[in-house]
Amino acid sequence: MFTEDEIKQKVHDGYMVESVEEMTEGYRKSLIVQLTVQADTELISAPAYWRAARHAPSTNTQVSAHAIIQDELAHANIAYRLLEDLGVSKEELVYGRDPHKFKHPYGFDQPLDNWAELVVANGFFDRAGITLLSDVYANTSYGPLKRALVKVDMEETFHLRHGEVWMRRLAKHGGEARAMLQRAVDWMFPMTLEWFGLPDEMKRHSGQLDYKLKGLTNDQLRQVWMKSTVPLCESLGLEAPAHWSEESQSYELDYPFPCHYDAEAKHWDFDGGEIPWEQVFDRWKARGPMNEWYVESVRRSRNEVVGWLENAPAA
């Protein structure tokens, strides 16, 4: 068994961890946190996308949306299965926790109310997922996760392309379709930037970097996401609250970060100025308006089947 200092040095020298027997307790705990967020995010994206897929403009487009939902559930299963190897109960994670204990980003506690919001979620949220998981794939020291992400990355790329194609179609269509698209961008752009967590100067825990479970910091990941998202919006004539700065050679935000969010109105209070991150934590901990509905929708059919089996007459 390695000491904490030894395993940190070994993984940064290129060593790949393959089993729980090689892990220190610190490595195992950091990996569990990372995989739980990954699994919960994939799982809860499914009912969020399903709710909006009902507004698909045709049968074919609804089939495409359902294919994405199927992929998300499969990706969740992969991460939960990896957690089982670490001694964590998948049954407890999916069916035993209170809804507010799930660790998916706050963005997936919001209602997706129309087709425009679904495709912007594909274009923004799935891009955030690819940004995070591509970094993990390139840098992770945990071998089983690196191999699993080959399949996940290819399918997430399809989700992203689906979003981009439909964002272009709606933008080109103009009128109310374009207006709905802009409204979705208005609330989802800041929502996705929160996805990456605290600014680097405020980061409290560095386990994922120390154990080489990922390679980039939160602020670096935000820049990677904006590097492709802002040009996409600009190419479609959509307004995004960020711009490229020649002076800093980075994307800078055109609004106070973080700021207050009105979940009912889906509106960010840019005029209200910057708020303390403690208020953001309080909002995240309270979860969003769809938290319980999304979690229970995942559990509902399974509970119904269990009820049928318990009440079925003996053979």
C-alpha atoms as a PDB file:
ATOM      1  CA  MET A   1       0.000   0.000   0.000  1.00  0.00           C
ATOM      2  CA  PHE A   2       1.296   3.441  -0.932  1.00  0.00           C
ATOM      3  CA  THR A   3       1.406   6.410   1.406  1.00  0.00           C
ATOM      4  CA  GLU A   4      -0.500   9.533   0.350  1.00  0.00           C
ATOM      5  CA  ASP A   5       2.691  11.272  -0.749  1.00  0.00           C
ATOM      6  CA  GLU A   6       3.892   8.193  -2.631  1.00  0.00           C
ATOM      7  CA  ILE A   7       0.712   7.702  -4.650  1.00  0.00           C
ATOM      8  CA  LYS A   8       0.548  11.391  -5.548  1.00  0.00           C
ATOM      9  CA  GLN A   9       4.112  11.244  -6.837  1.00  0.00           C
ATOM     10  CA  LYS A  10       3.598   7.968  -8.702  1.00  0.00           C
ATOM     11  CA  VAL A  11       0.477   9.054 -10.585  1.00  0.00           C
ATOM     12  CA  HIS A  12       2.127  12.312 -11.625  1.00  0.00           C
ATOM     13  CA  ASP A  13       5.011  10.224 -12.920  1.00  0.00           C
ATOM     14  CA  GLY A  14       2.559   8.277 -15.115  1.00  0.00           C
ATOM     15  CA  TYR A  15       1.507   5.366 -12.908  1.00  0.00           C
ATOM     16  CA  MET A  16      -2.009   4.051 -13.619  1.00  0.00           C
ATOM     17  CA  VAL A  17      -4.113   2.759 -10.716  1.00  0.00           C
ATOM     18  CA  GLU A  18      -6.095  -0.345 -11.669  1.00  0.00           C
ATOM     19  CA  SER A  19      -7.692  -1.611  -8.448  1.00  0.00           C
ATOM     20  CA  VAL A  20      -8.893  -0.488  -5.055  1.00  0.00           C
ATOM     21  CA  GLU A  21      -6.037  -2.419  -3.441  1.00  0.00           C
ATOM     22  CA  GLU A  22      -3.578   0.103  -4.881  1.00  0.00           C
ATOM     23  CA  MET A  23      -5.453   3.152  -3.576  1.00  0.00           C
ATOM     24  CA  THR A  24      -4.899   5.182  -0.478  1.00  0.00           C
ATOM     25  CA  GLU A  25      -8.032   6.248   1.366  1.00  0.00           C
ATOM     26  CA  GLY A  26      -7.569   9.809   0.116  1.00  0.00           C
ATOM     27  CA  TYR A  27      -7.357   8.645  -3.502  1.00  0.00           C
ATOM     28  CA  ARG A  28     -10.429   6.435  -3.100  1.00  0.00           C
ATOM     29  CA  LYS A  29     -12.513   9.215  -1.518  1.00  0.00           C
ATOM     30  CA  SER A  30     -11.595  11.736  -4.215  1.00  0.00           C
ATOM     31  CA  LEU A  31     -12.422   9.219  -6.946  1.00  0.00           C
ATOM     32  CA  ILE A  32     -15.784   8.416  -5.321  1.00  0.00           C
ATOM     33  CA  VAL A  33     -16.715  12.112  -5.252  1.00  0.00           C
ATOM     34  CA  GLN A  34     -15.762  12.542  -8.908  1.00  0.00           C
ATOM     35  CA  LEU A  35     -17.605   9.425 -10.093  1.00  0.00           C
ATOM     36  CA  THR A  36     -20.708  10.225  -8.044  1.00  0.00           C
ATOM     37  CA  VAL A  37     -21.027  13.658  -9.644  1.00  0.00           C
ATOM     38  CA  GLN A  38     -20.473  12.074 -13.061  1.00  0.00           C
ATOM     39  CA  ALA A  39     -23.052   9.317 -12.489  1.00  0.00           C
ATOM     40  CA  ASP A  40     -25.714  11.588 -10.966  1.00  0.00           C
ATOM     41  CA  THR A  41     -25.320  14.137 -13.758  1.00  0.00           C
ATOM     42  CA  GLU A  42     -25.802  11.515 -16.458  1.00  0.00           C
ATOM     43  CA  LEU A  43     -28.771   9.988 -14.638  1.00  0.00           C
ATOM     44  CA  ILE A  44     -30.718  13.183 -13.954  1.00  0.00           C
ATOM     45  CA  SER A  45     -30.115  14.529 -17.454  1.00  0.00           C
ATOM     46  CA  ALA A  46     -32.391  11.736 -18.712  1.00  0.00           C
ATOM     47  CA  PRO A  47     -35.689  12.928 -17.147  1.00  0.00           C
ATOM     48  CA  ALA A  48     -34.711  16.554 -17.827  1.00  0.00           C
ATOM     49  CA  TYR A  49     -34.285  15.791 -21.526  1.00  0.00           C
ATOM     50  CA  TRP A  50     -37.357  13.540 -21.621  1.00  0.00           C
ATOM     51  CA  ARG A  51     -39.541  16.361 -20.317  1.00  0.00           C
ATOM     52  CA  ALA A  52     -38.475  18.603 -23.202  1.00  0.00           C
ATOM     53  CA  ALA A  53     -38.424  15.850 -25.834  1.00  0.00           C
ATOM     54  CA  ARG A  54     -42.214  15.814 -25.737  1.00  0.00           C
ATOM     55  CA  HIS A  55     -42.039  19.112 -27.649  1.00  0.00           C
ATOM     56  CA  ALA A  56     -40.019  17.650 -30.520  1.00  0.00           C
ATOM     57  CA  PRO A  57     -41.171  19.034 -33.877  1.00  0.00           C
ATOM     58  CA  SER A  58     -41.480  15.598 -35.506  1.00  0.00           C
ATOM     59  CA  THR A  59     -41.406  11.881 -34.783  1.00  0.00           C
ATOM     60  CA  ASN A  60     -37.882  11.605 -36.170  1.00  0.00           C
ATOM     61  CA  THR A  61     -36.555  14.367 -33.954  1.00  0.00           C
ATOM     62  CA  GLN A  62     -38.226  12.829 -30.925  1.00  0.00           C
ATOM     63  CA  VAL A  63     -36.519   9.511 -31.723  1.00  0.00           C
ATOM     64  CA  SER A  64     -33.172  11.337 -31.817  1.00  0.00           C
ATOM     65  CA  ALA A  65     -33.894  12.925 -28.441  1.00  0.00           C
ATOM     66  CA  HIS A  66     -34.845   9.554 -26.980  1.00  0.00           C
ATOM     67  CA  ALA A  67     -31.596   8.067 -28.304  1.00  0.00           C
ATOM     68  CA  ILE A  68     -29.716  10.736 -26.362  1.00  0.00           C
ATOM     69  CA  ILE A  69     -31.705   9.879 -23.232  1.00  0.00           C
ATOM     70  CA  GLN A  70     -30.848   6.213 -23.661  1.00  0.00           C
ATOM     71  CA  ASP A  71     -27.159   7.111 -23.958  1.00  0.00           C
ATOM     72  CA  GLU A  72     -27.285   9.206 -20.785  1.00  0.00           C
ATOM     73  CA  LEU A  73     -28.762   6.336 -18.791  1.00  0.00           C
ATOM     74  CA  ALA A  74     -26.073   3.999 -20.117  1.00  0.00           C
ATOM     75  CA  HIS A  75     -23.361   6.494 -19.168  1.00  0.00           C
ATOM     76  CA  ALA A  76     -24.822   6.748 -15.670  1.00  0.00           C
ATOM     77  CA  ASN A  77     -24.735   2.971 -15.350  1.00  0.00           C
ATOM     78  CA  ILE A  78     -21.048   2.917 -16.332  1.00  0.00           C
ATOM     79  CA  ALA A  79     -20.133   5.397 -13.595  1.00  0.00           C
ATOM     80  CA  TYR A  80     -22.303   3.684 -10.968  1.00  0.00           C
ATOM     81  CA  ARG A  81     -20.729   0.348 -11.935  1.00  0.00           C
ATOM     82  CA  LEU A  82     -17.258   1.805 -11.397  1.00  0.00           C
ATOM     83  CA  LEU A  83     -18.431   3.036  -7.996  1.00  0.00           C
ATOM     84  CA  GLU A  84     -19.474  -0.498  -7.089  1.00  0.00           C
ATOM     85  CA  ASP A  85     -15.857  -1.559  -7.645  1.00  0.00           C
ATOM     86  CA  LEU A  86     -14.935   0.985  -4.965  1.00  0.00           C
ATOM     87  CA  GLY A  87     -17.363  -0.534  -2.466  1.00  0.00           C
ATOM     88  CA  VAL A  88     -20.252   1.887  -3.014  1.00  0.00           C
ATOM     89  CA  SER A  89     -23.812   0.548  -3.395  1.00  0.00           C
ATOM     90  CA  LYS A  90     -25.428   1.518  -6.700  1.00  0.00           C
ATOM     91  CA  GLU A  91     -28.798   0.548  -5.234  1.00  0.00           C
ATOM     92  CA  GLU A  92     -28.340   2.989  -2.373  1.00  0.00           C
ATOM     93  CA  LEU A  93     -27.103   5.784  -4.618  1.00  0.00           C
ATOM     94  CA  VAL A  94     -30.002   5.573  -7.058  1.00  0.00           C
ATOM     95  CA  TYR A  95     -32.859   4.539  -4.777  1.00  0.00           C
ATOM     96  CA  GLY A  96     -31.778   5.208  -1.208  1.00  0.00           C
ATOM     97  CA  ARG A  97     -30.804   8.876  -1.084  1.00  0.00           C
ATOM     98  CA  ASP A  98     -33.044  11.863  -0.575  1.00  0.00           C
ATOM     99  CA  PRO A  99     -33.354  13.815  -3.850  1.00  0.00           C
ATOM    100  CA  HIS A 100     -31.450  16.811  -2.476  1.00  0.00           C
ATOM    101  CA  LYS A 101     -28.459  14.531  -1.731  1.00  0.00           C
ATOM    102  CA  PHE A 102     -27.822  13.889  -5.431  1.00  0.00           C
ATOM    103  CA  LYS A 103     -24.671  15.629  -6.660  1.00  0.00           C
ATOM    104  CA  HIS A 104     -25.550  16.674 -10.209  1.00  0.00           C
ATOM    105  CA  PRO A 105     -25.067  20.333 -11.201  1.00  0.00           C
ATOM    106  CA  TYR A 106     -27.793  22.817 -10.340  1.00  0.00           C
ATOM    107  CA  GLY A 107     -28.474  23.256 -14.053  1.00  0.00           C
ATOM    108  CA  PHE A 108     -30.141  19.858 -14.173  1.00  0.00           C
ATOM    109  CA  ASP A 109     -32.610  20.895 -11.480  1.00  0.00           C
ATOM    110  CA  GLN A 110     -34.223  23.347 -13.889  1.00  0.00           C
ATOM    111  CA  PRO A 111     -37.239  22.619 -16.101  1.00  0.00           C
ATOM    112  CA  LEU A 112     -36.534  22.331 -19.805  1.00  0.00           C
ATOM    113  CA  ASP A 113     -39.828  23.590 -21.179  1.00  0.00           C
ATOM    114  CA  ASN A 114     -39.486  23.483 -24.959  1.00  0.00           C
ATOM    115  CA  TRP A 115     -37.464  22.176 -27.879  1.00  0.00           C
ATOM    116  CA  ALA A 116     -35.212  25.250 -27.972  1.00  0.00           C
ATOM    117  CA  GLU A 117     -34.200  24.676 -24.354  1.00  0.00           C
ATOM    118  CA  LEU A 118     -33.474  21.012 -25.060  1.00  0.00           C
ATOM    119  CA  VAL A 119     -31.149  21.719 -27.966  1.00  0.00           C
ATOM    120  CA  VAL A 120     -29.357  24.525 -26.094  1.00  0.00           C
ATOM    121  CA  ALA A 121     -28.936  22.075 -23.202  1.00  0.00           C
ATOM    122  CA  ASN A 122     -27.339  19.681 -25.695  1.00  0.00           C
ATOM    123  CA  GLY A 123     -25.174  22.498 -27.022  1.00  0.00           C
ATOM    124  CA  PHE A 124     -24.203  23.927 -23.624  1.00  0.00           C
ATOM    125  CA  PHE A 125     -24.643  21.276 -20.909  1.00  0.00           C
ATOM    126  CA  ASP A 126     -23.354  18.383 -22.998  1.00  0.00           C
ATOM    127  CA  ARG A 127     -20.441  20.549 -24.105  1.00  0.00           C
ATOM    128  CA  ALA A 128     -19.647  21.094 -20.415  1.00  0.00           C
ATOM    129  CA  GLY A 129     -19.792  17.344 -19.927  1.00  0.00           C
ATOM    130  CA  ILE A 130     -17.415  16.775 -22.836  1.00  0.00           C
ATOM    131  CA  THR A 131     -15.101  19.497 -21.528  1.00  0.00           C
ATOM    132  CA  LEU A 132     -14.911  17.814 -18.136  1.00  0.00           C
ATOM    133  CA  LEU A 133     -14.730  14.211 -19.303  1.00  0.00           C
ATOM    134  CA  SER A 134     -12.247  14.899 -22.108  1.00  0.00           C
ATOM    135  CA  ASP A 135      -9.949  16.362 -19.495  1.00  0.00           C
ATOM    136  CA  VAL A 136     -10.495  13.337 -17.280  1.00  0.00           C
ATOM    137  CA  TYR A 137      -9.835  10.961 -20.181  1.00  0.00           C
ATOM    138  CA  ALA A 138      -6.614  12.729 -21.105  1.00  0.00           C
ATOM    139  CA  ASN A 139      -5.275  12.953 -17.569  1.00  0.00           C
ATOM    140  CA  THR A 140      -6.888  10.433 -15.222  1.00  0.00           C
ATOM    141  CA  SER A 141      -4.670   8.053 -13.310  1.00  0.00           C
ATOM    142  CA  TYR A 142      -7.526   5.540 -12.877  1.00  0.00           C
ATOM    143  CA  GLY A 143      -7.305   2.981 -15.667  1.00  0.00           C
ATOM    144  CA  PRO A 144     -10.871   1.567 -15.620  1.00  0.00           C
ATOM    145  CA  LEU A 145     -12.344   5.078 -15.934  1.00  0.00           C
ATOM    146  CA  LYS A 146     -10.031   6.019 -18.792  1.00  0.00           C
ATOM    147  CA  ARG A 147     -11.099   2.946 -20.776  1.00  0.00           C
ATOM    148  CA  ALA A 148     -14.803   3.487 -20.046  1.00  0.00           C
ATOM    149  CA  LEU A 149     -14.680   7.064 -21.284  1.00  0.00           C
ATOM    150  CA  VAL A 150     -13.805   6.027 -24.850  1.00  0.00           C
ATOM    151  CA  LYS A 151     -17.428   4.993 -25.459  1.00  0.00           C
ATOM    152  CA  VAL A 152     -18.883   7.858 -23.429  1.00  0.00           C
ATOM    153  CA  ASP A 153     -16.935  10.522 -25.326  1.00  0.00           C
ATOM    154  CA  MET A 154     -18.089   9.325 -28.746  1.00  0.00           C
ATOM    155  CA  GLU A 155     -21.740   9.365 -27.704  1.00  0.00           C
ATOM    156  CA  GLU A 156     -21.536  12.713 -25.920  1.00  0.00           C
ATOM    157  CA  THR A 157     -20.103  14.170 -29.122  1.00  0.00           C
ATOM    158  CA  PHE A 158     -23.292  13.066 -30.904  1.00  0.00           C
ATOM    159  CA  HIS A 159     -25.382  14.876 -28.271  1.00  0.00           C
ATOM    160  CA  LEU A 160     -23.347  18.045 -28.761  1.00  0.00           C
ATOM    161  CA  ARG A 161     -23.662  17.905 -32.557  1.00  0.00           C
ATOM    162  CA  HIS A 162     -27.418  17.383 -32.219  1.00  0.00           C
ATOM    163  CA  GLY A 163     -27.615  20.568 -30.181  1.00  0.00           C
ATOM    164  CA  GLU A 164     -25.447  22.578 -32.563  1.00  0.00           C
ATOM    165  CA  VAL A 165     -27.354  21.468 -35.664  1.00  0.00           C
ATOM    166  CA  TRP A 166     -30.710  22.383 -34.141  1.00  0.00           C
ATOM    167  CA  MET A 167     -29.448  25.675 -32.732  1.00  0.00           C
ATOM    168  CA  ARG A 168     -28.416  26.611 -36.280  1.00  0.00           C
ATOM    169  CA  ARG A 169     -31.806  25.563 -37.653  1.00  0.00           C
ATOM    170  CA  LEU A 170     -33.745  27.584 -35.109  1.00  0.00           C
ATOM    171  CA  ALA A 171     -31.484  30.612 -35.517  1.00  0.00           C
ATOM    172  CA  LYS A 172     -31.891  30.477 -39.302  1.00  0.00           C
ATOM    173  CA  HIS A 173     -35.653  30.067 -39.007  1.00  0.00           C
ATOM    174  CA  GLY A 174     -35.935  33.409 -37.213  1.00  0.00           C
ATOM    175  CA  GLY A 175     -39.065  34.795 -35.606  1.00  0.00           C
ATOM    176  CA  GLU A 176     -40.311  33.188 -32.401  1.00  0.00           C
ATOM    177  CA  ALA A 177     -38.031  30.175 -32.870  1.00  0.00           C
ATOM    178  CA  ARG A 178     -34.980  32.428 -32.767  1.00  0.00           C
ATOM    179  CA  ALA A 179     -36.389  34.388 -29.834  1.00  0.00           C
ATOM    180  CA  MET A 180     -36.912  31.166 -27.852  1.00  0.00           C
ATOM    181  CA  LEU A 181     -33.348  30.170 -28.676  1.00  0.00           C
ATOM    182  CA  GLN A 182     -31.979  33.472 -27.366  1.00  0.00           C
ATOM    183  CA  ARG A 183     -34.031  33.192 -24.180  1.00  0.00           C
ATOM    184  CA  ALA A 184     -32.584  29.731 -23.597  1.00  0.00           C
ATOM    185  CA  VAL A 185     -29.048  31.035 -24.152  1.00  0.00           C
ATOM    186  CA  ASP A 186     -29.712  33.921 -21.738  1.00  0.00           C
ATOM    187  CA  TRP A 187     -30.246  31.650 -18.750  1.00  0.00           C
ATOM    188  CA  MET A 188     -28.223  28.576 -19.737  1.00  0.00           C
ATOM    189  CA  PHE A 189     -24.927  30.335 -20.508  1.00  0.00           C
ATOM    190  CA  PRO A 190     -24.375  31.612 -16.925  1.00  0.00           C
ATOM    191  CA  MET A 191     -25.869  28.370 -15.573  1.00  0.00           C
ATOM    192  CA  THR A 192     -23.238  26.315 -17.391  1.00  0.00           C
ATOM    193  CA  LEU A 193     -20.371  28.512 -16.230  1.00  0.00           C
ATOM    194  CA  GLU A 194     -21.427  27.817 -12.631  1.00  0.00           C
ATOM    195  CA  TRP A 195     -21.231  24.115 -13.535  1.00  0.00           C
ATOM    196  CA  PHE A 196     -17.429  24.162 -13.249  1.00  0.00           C
ATOM    197  CA  GLY A 197     -17.493  25.232  -9.605  1.00  0.00           C
ATOM    198  CA  LEU A 198     -15.567  27.714  -7.512  1.00  0.00           C
ATOM    199  CA  PRO A 199     -12.958  30.069  -8.967  1.00  0.00           C
ATOM    200  CA  ASP A 200      -9.466  28.670  -8.550  1.00  0.00           C
ATOM    201  CA  GLU A 201      -8.465  31.175  -5.873  1.00  0.00           C
ATOM    202  CA  MET A 202     -11.352  29.955  -3.680  1.00  0.00           C
ATOM    203  CA  LYS A 203     -11.057  26.201  -4.333  1.00  0.00           C
ATOM    204  CA  ARG A 204     -11.136  24.353  -1.032  1.00  0.00           C
ATOM    205  CA  HIS A 205     -10.169  20.842  -2.121  1.00  0.00           C
ATOM    206  CA  SER A 206      -7.525  19.821  -4.652  1.00  0.00           C
ATOM    207  CA  GLY A 207      -7.758  16.031  -4.382  1.00  0.00           C
ATOM    208  CA  GLN A 208      -8.728  15.468  -8.014  1.00  0.00           C
ATOM    209  CA  LEU A 209      -5.642  17.378  -9.155  1.00  0.00           C
ATOM    210  CA  ASP A 210      -3.347  15.978  -6.449  1.00  0.00           C
ATOM    211  CA  TYR A 211      -4.243  12.384  -7.394  1.00  0.00           C
ATOM    212  CA  LYS A 212      -4.295  13.212 -11.119  1.00  0.00           C
ATOM    213  CA  LEU A 213      -7.954  12.309 -11.531  1.00  0.00           C
ATOM    214  CA  LYS A 214      -8.212  15.330 -13.827  1.00  0.00           C
ATOM    215  CA  GLY A 215      -5.703  17.766 -15.296  1.00  0.00           C
ATOM    216  CA  LEU A 216      -7.273  21.223 -15.556  1.00  0.00           C
ATOM    217  CA  THR A 217      -8.485  23.620 -12.878  1.00  0.00           C
ATOM    218  CA  ASN A 218     -12.049  24.964 -12.696  1.00  0.00           C
ATOM    219  CA  ASP A 219     -11.144  28.274 -14.321  1.00  0.00           C
ATOM    220  CA  GLN A 220      -9.167  26.530 -17.059  1.00  0.00           C
ATOM    221  CA  LEU A 221     -12.158  24.303 -17.808  1.00  0.00           C
ATOM    222  CA  ARG A 222     -14.412  27.377 -17.974  1.00  0.00           C
ATOM    223  CA  GLN A 223     -12.083  28.862 -20.577  1.00  0.00           C
ATOM    224  CA  VAL A 224     -12.085  25.666 -22.643  1.00  0.00           C
ATOM    225  CA  TRP A 225     -15.897  25.678 -22.646  1.00  0.00           C
ATOM    226  CA  MET A 226     -16.145  29.355 -23.641  1.00  0.00           C
ATOM    227  CA  LYS A 227     -13.534  28.914 -26.370  1.00  0.00           C
ATOM    228  CA  SER A 228     -16.025  26.917 -28.423  1.00  0.00           C
ATOM    229  CA  THR A 229     -19.344  28.176 -27.019  1.00  0.00           C
ATOM    230  CA  VAL A 230     -18.894  31.921 -27.495  1.00  0.00           C
ATOM    231  CA  PRO A 231     -17.848  31.599 -31.167  1.00  0.00           C
ATOM    232  CA  LEU A 232     -20.819  29.274 -31.760  1.00  0.00           C
ATOM    233  CA  CYS A 233     -23.228  31.884 -30.404  1.00  0.00           C
ATOM    234  CA  GLU A 234     -21.547  34.667 -32.366  1.00  0.00           C
ATOM    235  CA  SER A 235     -21.742  32.648 -35.593  1.00  0.00           C
ATOM    236  CA  LEU A 236     -25.494  32.273 -35.072  1.00  0.00           C
ATOM    237  CA  GLY A 237     -26.054  35.947 -34.258  1.00  0.00           C
ATOM    238  CA  LEU A 238     -26.920  35.099 -30.656  1.00  0.00           C
ATOM    239  CA  GLU A 239     -25.852  37.254 -27.735  1.00  0.00           C
ATOM    240  CA  ALA A 240     -23.601  35.595 -25.155  1.00  0.00           C
ATOM    241  CA  PRO A 241     -22.469  37.528 -22.065  1.00  0.00           C
ATOM    242  CA  ALA A 242     -18.727  37.057 -22.634  1.00  0.00           C
ATOM    243  CA  HIS A 243     -16.053  38.400 -24.973  1.00  0.00           C
ATOM    244  CA  TRP A 244     -12.473  37.677 -25.980  1.00  0.00           C
ATOM    245  CA  SER A 245      -9.887  39.952 -24.396  1.00  0.00           C
ATOM    246  CA  GLU A 246      -6.694  40.535 -26.372  1.00  0.00           C
ATOM    247  CA  GLU A 247      -5.097  41.971 -23.265  1.00  0.00           C
ATOM    248  CA  SER A 248      -5.627  38.914 -21.064  1.00  0.00           C
ATOM    249  CA  GLN A 249      -5.713  36.444 -23.980  1.00  0.00           C
ATOM    250  CA  SER A 250      -8.788  34.855 -22.429  1.00  0.00           C
ATOM    251  CA  TYR A 251     -12.562  35.097 -22.398  1.00  0.00           C
ATOM    252  CA  GLU A 252     -13.957  37.594 -19.915  1.00  0.00           C
ATOM    253  CA  LEU A 253     -17.520  37.743 -18.621  1.00  0.00           C
ATOM    254  CA  ASP A 254     -19.798  40.698 -19.255  1.00  0.00           C
ATOM    255  CA  TYR A 255     -21.727  40.224 -16.024  1.00  0.00           C
ATOM    256  CA  PRO A 256     -20.954  39.861 -12.312  1.00  0.00           C
ATOM    257  CA  PHE A 257     -19.923  36.310 -11.428  1.00  0.00           C
ATOM    258  CA  PRO A 258     -21.575  34.894  -9.442  1.00  0.00           C
ATOM    259  CA  CYS A 259     -24.911  36.679  -9.304  1.00  0.00           C
ATOM    260  CA  HIS A 260     -28.471  36.033  -8.128  1.00  0.00           C
ATOM    261  CA  TYR A 261     -30.667  33.630 -10.096  1.00  0.00           C
ATOM    262  CA  ASP A 262     -34.470  33.660 -10.049  1.00  0.00           C
ATOM    263  CA  ALA A 263     -35.361  30.027 -10.783  1.00  0.00           C
ATOM    264  CA  GLU A 264     -39.060  30.706 -11.272  1.00  0.00           C
ATOM    265  CA  ALA A 265     -38.430  33.389 -13.892  1.00  0.00           C
ATOM    266  CA  LYS A 266     -35.256  31.759 -15.279  1.00  0.00           C
ATOM    267  CA  HIS A 267     -33.569  35.122 -14.953  1.00  0.00           C
ATOM    268  CA  TRP A 268     -30.099  36.206 -13.780  1.00  0.00           C
ATOM    269  CA  ASP A 269     -29.927  39.523 -11.954  1.00  0.00           C
ATOM    270  CA  PHE A 270     -26.910  41.066 -13.678  1.00  0.00           C
ATOM    271  CA  ASP A 271     -27.888  44.518 -12.421  1.00  0.00           C
ATOM    272  CA  GLY A 272     -27.839  43.365  -8.812  1.00  0.00           C
ATOM    273  CA  GLY A 273     -24.079  42.904  -8.839  1.00  0.00           C
ATOM    274  CA  GLU A 274     -21.847  40.128  -7.602  1.00  0.00           C
ATOM    275  CA  ILE A 275     -22.997  38.018  -4.666  1.00  0.00           C
ATOM    276  CA  PRO A 276     -20.926  35.977  -2.182  1.00  0.00           C
ATOM    277  CA  TRP A 277     -20.294  32.359  -3.152  1.00  0.00           C
ATOM    278  CA  GLU A 278     -21.931  31.355   0.138  1.00  0.00           C
ATOM    279  CA  GLN A 279     -25.270  32.396  -1.388  1.00  0.00           C
ATOM    280  CA  VAL A 280     -24.552  30.215  -4.418  1.00  0.00           C
ATOM    281  CA  PHE A 281     -23.795  27.278  -2.115  1.00  0.00           C
ATOM    282  CA  ASP A 282     -27.098  27.844  -0.338  1.00  0.00           C
ATOM    283  CA  ARG A 283     -28.937  27.783  -3.668  1.00  0.00           C
ATOM    284  CA  TRP A 284     -27.144  24.621  -4.771  1.00  0.00           C
ATOM    285  CA  LYS A 285     -27.856  22.869  -1.456  1.00  0.00           C
ATOM    286  CA  ALA A 286     -31.544  23.804  -1.599  1.00  0.00           C
ATOM    287  CA  ARG A 287     -31.621  22.310  -5.109  1.00  0.00           C
ATOM    288  CA  GLY A 288     -33.723  23.596  -7.963  1.00  0.00           C
ATOM    289  CA  PRO A 289     -37.455  23.429  -8.715  1.00  0.00           C
ATOM    290  CA  MET A 290     -37.381  20.068 -10.543  1.00  0.00           C
ATOM    291  CA  ASN A 291     -35.043  18.176  -8.218  1.00  0.00           C
ATOM    292  CA  GLU A 292     -37.607  15.905  -6.569  1.00  0.00           C
ATOM    293  CA  TRP A 293     -39.637  15.427  -9.738  1.00  0.00           C
ATOM    294  CA  TYR A 294     -36.618  14.343 -11.773  1.00  0.00           C
ATOM    295  CA  VAL A 295     -35.332  11.935  -9.116  1.00  0.00           C
ATOM    296  CA  GLU A 296     -38.730  10.394  -8.520  1.00  0.00           C
ATOM    297  CA  SER A 297     -39.344  10.029 -12.251  1.00  0.00           C
ATOM    298  CA  VAL A 298     -36.223   7.859 -12.433  1.00  0.00           C
ATOM    299  CA  ARG A 299     -37.455   5.726  -9.543  1.00  0.00           C
ATOM    300  CA  ARG A 300     -41.131   5.538 -10.443  1.00  0.00           C
ATOM    301  CA  SER A 301     -41.220   2.705 -12.949  1.00  0.00           C
ATOM    302  CA  ARG A 302     -38.874   0.547 -10.889  1.00  0.00           C
ATOM    303  CA  ASN A 303     -41.038   0.991  -7.807  1.00  0.00           C
ATOM    304  CA  GLU A 304     -44.137   0.114  -9.822  1.00  0.00           C
ATOM    305  CA  VAL A 305     -42.540  -3.093 -11.089  1.00  0.00           C
ATOM    306  CA  VAL A 306     -41.476  -4.056  -7.570  1.00  0.00           C
ATOM    307  CA  GLY A 307     -45.065  -3.504  -6.433  1.00  0.00           C
ATOM    308  CA  TRP A 308     -46.425  -5.686  -9.224  1.00  0.00           C
ATOM    309  CA  LEU A 309     -44.012  -8.492  -8.317  1.00  0.00           C
ATOM    310  CA  GLU A 310     -44.821  -8.295  -4.621  1.00  0.00           C
ATOM    311  CA  ASN A 311     -48.566  -8.441  -5.312  1.00  0.00           C
ATOM    312  CA  ALA A 312     -48.448 -11.070  -8.038  1.00  0.00           C
ATOM    313  CA  PRO A 313     -50.162 -14.380  -7.195  1.00  0.00           C
ATOM    314  CA  ALA A 314     -47.860 -17.276  -6.459  1.00  0.00           C
ATOM    315  CA  ALA A 315     -47.161 -19.512  -9.445  1.00  0.00           C
END
